[in-house]
Every structure is written in C-alpha cells, then in structure tokens.
Amino acid sequence: MLSTFRNFAAIMAQLHIFNPEHDIALASNLTNFTAPHAGRQLRADLCFLPALWADEGDYVLVEDADYAARAYRRAARGRKCRVEWVTKSQLAGLALDAVLPWGWDAALRHQLLRYGVDVSLLPSEQTISEIRQLSHRQTSSQVLQQLQGDGLIGESVLCESIATVEQQLAQHPRLVLKAPWSSSGRGIRFVDGELDDYHRGWLRNLLKSQGGVMVEPYYEKVKDFGMEFDVTDEGVRYLGLSLFHTSNGAYTGNVLATENAKC
C-alpha cells in the first residue's frame, strides 16, 4: 500500500488510530495489555472509521489494509478515500507530525514505541498518568457539583468500601454503581433495596482492581445521550450530541443523524 506515495515521504502527515478498547486499557493501567475479544473484534471491524474525518494524505493504522479499504467504501458510499492504510510493521518508516488515537493510554504508548514511532510524537508517561486520572469518573463527579443549579439534579460519590456503599443505599434505596473506568456500560450495576451476593462479589473485585466505585442515586431517565467536545491548546470546541441506545445500562448502538435531527 505504501508504494504509491513513498516518493512523498518528506510530506508530513498525521497517524489516526481507532482503539475502542481504550477505556478498558485505562482501567488495567498495564503496558502489556490484551483487550477482551469483544474489544479486539470491534477495533478490527471499525478500524477504518478515522478515514471519515482524517485529512487528505493522512495515515490510518489498521490490521488488514484490504479489509479497511472495502469497509470504507461501504460506509462512505462512493466518497473517495483520501488516506493511506498502514499496518504496525510499516509504522517505523512513516514521516509523521502527529499521532491521533481514539484515546491515549499506557498500552498504546508502549505498543507504538515498540513498532518504531518516534517518542517525541507520544505523550510522556506522566501525561498518560494525568489522562488516566482525568478519565476517572470522580472527575465528572467533581464537575457535577459545580453544575448544580435551577433545573439540574444529580449526585455522585466515590466509595472505597462496601460499608460506604451500604450507607449510600440507606439514603437512596435505588442506586447505580459505576466502575471508575469502564467501557460501553459494562462497568455499571443497578441495586434495588439491598446488596445481594452477586453485587457484593462484584464490588469486592472492583475495589481490589480499581480502588473504588462511583455511586449515584437511580433516576428515571428520558434519554441517553452524551455531549462531544474537542479540547486543544486553543480551547474547548463543542462538536455535537451523541444519542445512543442502551439495554440494562449497556451500550447497544448510536443514532446517526444531523445535529438538527438529534436536537
């Protein structure tokens, strides 16, 4: 795939990476992290996605270039592909001025270093640690406190023992328990009335692996959605709404529509 543009090696470009297992990698905090099968499959199936927003001449890291090209053609509906597909074995030979993954974590940084990406293009270990801490649900809990006002409700606390979870349960008979780091709703549990053996076992494992659990009152919801932002050195830019569907708290799919339709 590289033969068609090797003469333009001096032209710098960005490397895009779709790594949807990112949140699970943050939870593990391991450099030699292996994602669960579902995460690896999602990455392989949707590896082409960055091509939809990448600039012309950019690279997109994929496992299978031929598959990525076919999947892009189906998704883009005739739109010309403006990127080059590359695999891990080709990374060391690329002239890059930026690496833009879905999310930064220790495992991805280690992997890119191993395959020859210049360390100057990667965040430091300290920066990775700061990204991980900002991604902890306690960060959103702190922001939530600052958003309180007319027409807004919500509580969220970090509990570091089963006893403190039970104290919250005494105040709010229905609770939502959330792992500090999780992906697609798989780290969420609902408790009604009391903790049973299943929830106690889940909590013990979570407290051991992640050091705590976020606890929130259960609210009757109207809609599941997220707000997307782009944060850079130049500031914060609102990108739009993410409307999605869930089943028992787990993510099942997104609504693809214009912003006007979503609003």
Protein backbone atom coordinates (compact mmCIF):
# COMPACT_ATOMS: atom_id res chain seq x y z
CA MET A 1 0.00 0.00 0.00
CA LEU A 2 2.94 2.37 0.61
CA SER A 3 4.42 2.13 -2.89
CA THR A 4 2.12 4.77 -4.34
CA PHE A 5 3.34 7.54 -2.06
CA ARG A 6 6.87 6.68 -0.88
CA ASN A 7 8.25 9.47 -3.08
CA PHE A 8 6.38 11.91 -0.88
CA ALA A 9 7.99 10.70 2.36
CA ALA A 10 9.10 14.22 3.21
CA ILE A 11 5.48 15.37 3.38
CA MET A 12 4.42 15.14 7.00
CA ALA A 13 1.07 13.66 7.92
CA GLN A 14 -0.99 12.52 10.88
CA LEU A 15 -1.45 8.94 12.02
CA HIS A 16 -5.00 8.08 13.14
CA ILE A 17 -5.79 5.08 15.35
CA PHE A 18 -9.18 3.69 16.31
CA ASN A 19 -8.70 1.93 19.67
CA PRO A 20 -12.16 1.44 21.22
CA GLU A 21 -10.66 -0.76 23.96
CA HIS A 22 -9.08 2.43 25.35
CA ASP A 23 -11.24 2.71 28.49
CA ILE A 24 -10.55 -0.90 29.44
CA ALA A 25 -6.84 -0.28 28.91
CA LEU A 26 -7.06 2.72 31.24
CA ALA A 27 -8.65 0.53 33.90
CA SER A 28 -5.88 -2.08 33.64
CA ASN A 29 -3.11 0.55 33.53
CA LEU A 30 -0.79 -2.08 32.06
CA THR A 31 1.72 -1.52 29.25
CA ASN A 32 1.35 -5.14 28.09
CA PHE A 33 -2.43 -5.09 27.97
CA THR A 34 -4.52 -7.52 25.93
CA ALA A 35 -8.08 -6.35 25.29
CA PRO A 36 -11.01 -8.75 25.67
CA HIS A 37 -12.16 -10.46 22.49
CA ALA A 38 -15.11 -8.08 22.05
CA GLY A 39 -12.79 -5.06 22.16
CA ARG A 40 -10.34 -6.57 19.69
CA GLN A 41 -13.18 -7.50 17.34
CA LEU A 42 -14.66 -4.00 17.46
CA ARG A 43 -11.28 -2.50 16.69
CA ALA A 44 -10.76 -4.83 13.74
CA ASP A 45 -14.27 -4.30 12.35
CA LEU A 46 -14.27 -0.49 12.58
CA CYS A 47 -10.56 0.27 12.08
CA PHE A 48 -11.40 2.36 9.01
CA LEU A 49 -13.52 4.94 10.87
CA PRO A 50 -10.83 7.66 11.20
CA ALA A 51 -10.71 7.88 7.40
CA LEU A 52 -14.10 9.62 7.58
CA TRP A 53 -12.58 12.67 9.32
CA ALA A 54 -8.85 12.46 8.54
CA ASP A 55 -7.15 14.97 6.26
CA GLU A 56 -6.01 14.06 2.79
CA GLY A 57 -2.70 12.22 2.86
CA ASP A 58 -3.04 11.08 6.48
CA TYR A 59 -2.45 7.51 7.58
CA VAL A 60 -4.88 5.20 9.37
CA LEU A 61 -3.49 2.26 11.36
CA VAL A 62 -5.33 -1.00 10.57
CA GLU A 63 -4.72 -4.72 10.88
CA ASP A 64 -5.81 -5.56 7.33
CA ALA A 65 -5.48 -2.86 4.66
CA ASP A 66 -7.63 -4.67 2.10
CA TYR A 67 -10.47 -5.14 4.59
CA ALA A 68 -10.23 -1.49 5.67
CA ALA A 69 -10.48 -0.30 2.07
CA ARG A 70 -13.58 -2.43 1.42
CA ALA A 71 -15.26 -1.40 4.68
CA TYR A 72 -14.56 2.26 3.98
CA ARG A 73 -16.12 2.03 0.52
CA ARG A 74 -19.29 0.55 2.02
CA ALA A 75 -19.51 3.18 4.75
CA ALA A 76 -18.52 6.18 2.62
CA ARG A 77 -20.99 5.35 -0.19
CA GLY A 78 -18.73 6.30 -3.06
CA ARG A 79 -16.79 9.04 -1.31
CA LYS A 80 -13.16 8.93 -2.43
CA CYS A 81 -10.70 7.64 0.15
CA ARG A 82 -8.14 10.34 0.96
CA VAL A 83 -5.96 8.38 3.41
CA GLU A 84 -3.39 5.60 3.27
CA TRP A 85 -3.92 2.38 5.25
CA VAL A 86 -0.86 1.19 7.19
CA THR A 87 -0.14 -1.77 9.46
CA LYS A 88 2.09 -1.98 12.53
CA SER A 89 5.05 -3.29 10.54
CA GLN A 90 5.05 -0.09 8.45
CA LEU A 91 5.00 2.42 11.30
CA ALA A 92 8.76 2.82 11.66
CA GLY A 93 9.08 4.12 8.10
CA LEU A 94 6.46 6.87 8.28
CA ALA A 95 7.15 10.61 8.32
CA LEU A 96 4.69 11.93 10.87
CA ASP A 97 3.98 15.17 12.63
CA ALA A 98 1.22 13.88 14.93
CA VAL A 99 -0.38 10.70 16.27
CA LEU A 100 -4.14 10.94 16.90
CA PRO A 101 -5.67 7.89 18.57
CA TRP A 102 -9.22 7.45 19.87
CA GLY A 103 -7.64 7.74 23.31
CA TRP A 104 -4.21 7.68 24.93
CA ASP A 105 -3.28 5.00 27.45
CA ALA A 106 -0.12 3.26 28.66
CA ALA A 107 -0.68 0.20 26.48
CA LEU A 108 -0.99 2.17 23.23
CA ARG A 109 2.07 4.29 24.01
CA HIS A 110 4.13 1.17 24.69
CA GLN A 111 2.86 -0.51 21.52
CA LEU A 112 3.73 2.45 19.29
CA LEU A 113 7.22 2.72 20.77
CA ARG A 114 7.77 -0.99 20.14
CA TYR A 115 6.85 -0.56 16.48
CA GLY A 116 9.20 2.37 15.90
CA VAL A 117 7.14 5.54 16.32
CA ASP A 118 9.35 8.41 17.50
CA VAL A 119 8.96 9.07 21.23
CA SER A 120 8.71 12.82 20.55
CA LEU A 121 5.30 12.19 18.94
CA LEU A 122 3.96 10.40 22.01
CA PRO A 123 2.76 11.74 25.36
CA SER A 124 5.08 11.18 28.30
CA GLU A 125 4.36 8.56 30.94
CA GLN A 126 3.43 11.41 33.29
CA THR A 127 0.94 12.79 30.76
CA ILE A 128 -0.57 9.32 30.32
CA SER A 129 -0.98 9.12 34.10
CA GLU A 130 -2.72 12.51 34.12
CA ILE A 131 -5.02 11.45 31.26
CA ARG A 132 -5.93 8.32 33.21
CA GLN A 133 -6.78 10.30 36.32
CA LEU A 134 -8.88 12.80 34.34
CA SER A 135 -10.76 9.84 32.83
CA HIS A 136 -11.69 8.57 36.31
CA ARG A 137 -15.42 9.05 36.90
CA GLN A 138 -14.55 11.05 40.01
CA THR A 139 -13.55 13.89 37.68
CA SER A 140 -17.09 14.11 36.27
CA SER A 141 -18.41 13.87 39.84
CA GLN A 142 -16.43 16.97 40.76
CA VAL A 143 -17.71 18.80 37.68
CA LEU A 144 -21.26 17.74 38.53
CA GLN A 145 -21.02 19.56 41.87
CA GLN A 146 -20.14 22.77 40.03
CA LEU A 147 -23.12 22.41 37.66
CA GLN A 148 -25.76 22.38 40.36
CA GLY A 149 -28.47 24.99 39.87
CA ASP A 150 -32.07 25.56 38.89
CA GLY A 151 -33.45 22.64 36.92
CA LEU A 152 -30.38 20.46 37.45
CA ILE A 153 -30.09 17.44 39.72
CA GLY A 154 -27.53 14.74 40.32
CA GLU A 155 -25.29 13.23 42.96
CA SER A 156 -22.20 11.10 42.60
CA VAL A 157 -19.76 9.97 45.27
CA LEU A 158 -16.67 7.76 45.33
CA CYS A 159 -16.99 4.86 47.77
CA GLU A 160 -13.91 2.88 48.77
CA SER A 161 -15.59 0.13 50.78
CA ILE A 162 -18.75 -1.95 50.74
CA ALA A 163 -19.76 -0.34 54.04
CA THR A 164 -19.84 3.14 52.48
CA VAL A 165 -21.90 1.80 49.59
CA GLU A 166 -24.39 0.46 52.13
CA GLN A 167 -24.51 3.90 53.76
CA GLN A 168 -25.49 5.37 50.40
CA LEU A 169 -28.08 2.65 49.98
CA ALA A 170 -29.64 3.68 53.29
CA GLN A 171 -30.13 7.19 51.87
CA HIS A 172 -31.15 6.15 48.36
CA PRO A 173 -32.91 2.74 48.11
CA ARG A 174 -32.13 2.52 44.40
CA LEU A 175 -28.53 3.05 43.28
CA VAL A 176 -26.40 2.95 40.17
CA LEU A 177 -22.89 1.60 40.79
CA LYS A 178 -20.24 2.54 38.25
CA ALA A 179 -16.67 1.34 37.85
CA PRO A 180 -14.25 4.31 37.86
CA TRP A 181 -13.05 3.22 34.42
CA SER A 182 -15.26 1.11 32.14
CA SER A 183 -16.43 0.83 28.56
CA SER A 184 -19.86 0.88 26.92
CA GLY A 185 -21.82 0.42 30.14
CA ARG A 186 -20.15 -2.89 31.03
CA GLY A 187 -18.95 -1.46 34.36
CA ILE A 188 -22.43 -0.45 35.55
CA ARG A 189 -24.67 -2.28 38.01
CA PHE A 190 -28.12 -1.41 39.41
CA VAL A 191 -29.04 -2.06 43.05
CA ASP A 192 -32.59 -2.04 44.38
CA GLY A 193 -33.08 -2.22 48.15
CA GLU A 194 -30.02 -4.17 49.28
CA LEU A 195 -26.75 -5.66 48.14
CA ASP A 196 -27.05 -9.33 47.24
CA ASP A 197 -24.17 -11.81 47.00
CA TYR A 198 -23.67 -11.05 43.31
CA HIS A 199 -23.25 -7.31 43.88
CA ARG A 200 -21.01 -7.88 46.91
CA GLY A 201 -18.75 -10.12 44.85
CA TRP A 202 -18.66 -7.61 42.01
CA LEU A 203 -17.84 -4.80 44.44
CA ARG A 204 -15.04 -6.76 46.13
CA ASN A 205 -13.38 -7.40 42.77
CA LEU A 206 -13.83 -3.80 41.67
CA LEU A 207 -12.49 -2.33 44.91
CA LYS A 208 -9.44 -4.57 44.59
CA SER A 209 -8.75 -3.74 40.94
CA GLN A 210 -9.75 -0.06 40.74
CA GLY A 211 -9.73 1.10 44.35
CA GLY A 212 -13.30 2.37 44.50
CA VAL A 213 -16.74 2.59 42.96
CA MET A 214 -18.83 5.59 41.91
CA VAL A 215 -22.28 5.57 43.48
CA GLU A 216 -25.26 7.57 42.21
CA PRO A 217 -28.99 7.66 43.01
CA TYR A 218 -31.11 5.95 40.36
CA TYR A 219 -33.20 8.40 38.32
CA GLU A 220 -35.95 7.62 35.86
CA LYS A 221 -34.34 8.71 32.63
CA VAL A 222 -35.90 10.14 29.48
CA LYS A 223 -32.99 9.81 27.06
CA ASP A 224 -29.43 8.51 26.88
CA PHE A 225 -27.01 10.98 25.32
CA GLY A 226 -23.55 12.44 25.56
CA MET A 227 -22.07 15.78 24.58
CA GLU A 228 -18.91 15.68 22.48
CA PHE A 229 -16.11 18.25 22.81
CA ASP A 230 -12.71 18.78 21.25
CA VAL A 231 -10.15 20.06 23.78
CA THR A 232 -6.88 21.51 22.48
CA ASP A 233 -4.32 24.12 23.49
CA GLU A 234 -6.52 26.66 21.71
CA GLY A 235 -9.53 25.92 23.91
CA VAL A 236 -12.69 23.80 24.03
CA ARG A 237 -14.96 23.34 20.99
CA TYR A 238 -18.42 21.76 21.18
CA LEU A 239 -18.86 19.11 18.47
CA GLY A 240 -22.43 17.93 18.97
CA LEU A 241 -24.67 15.35 20.61
CA SER A 242 -24.14 11.61 20.79
CA LEU A 243 -27.53 9.91 21.04
CA PHE A 244 -27.34 6.22 21.84
CA HIS A 245 -29.40 3.23 22.93
CA THR A 246 -28.82 1.01 25.96
CA SER A 247 -30.10 -2.26 27.37
CA ASN A 248 -29.80 -2.70 31.15
CA GLY A 249 -27.22 0.04 31.16
CA ALA A 250 -25.06 -1.47 28.41
CA TYR A 251 -24.46 0.38 25.14
CA THR A 252 -26.20 -1.18 22.12
CA GLY A 253 -25.86 1.43 19.36
CA ASN A 254 -25.80 5.06 18.26
CA VAL A 255 -28.21 7.26 16.34
CA LEU A 256 -26.62 8.52 13.11
CA ALA A 257 -28.28 11.80 12.14
CA THR A 258 -27.67 15.50 11.60
CA GLU A 259 -27.45 17.78 14.62
CA ASN A 260 -30.80 19.33 13.73
CA ALA A 261 -32.45 15.92 13.70
CA LYS A 262 -30.85 14.94 17.01
CA CYS A 263 -31.97 18.12 18.71
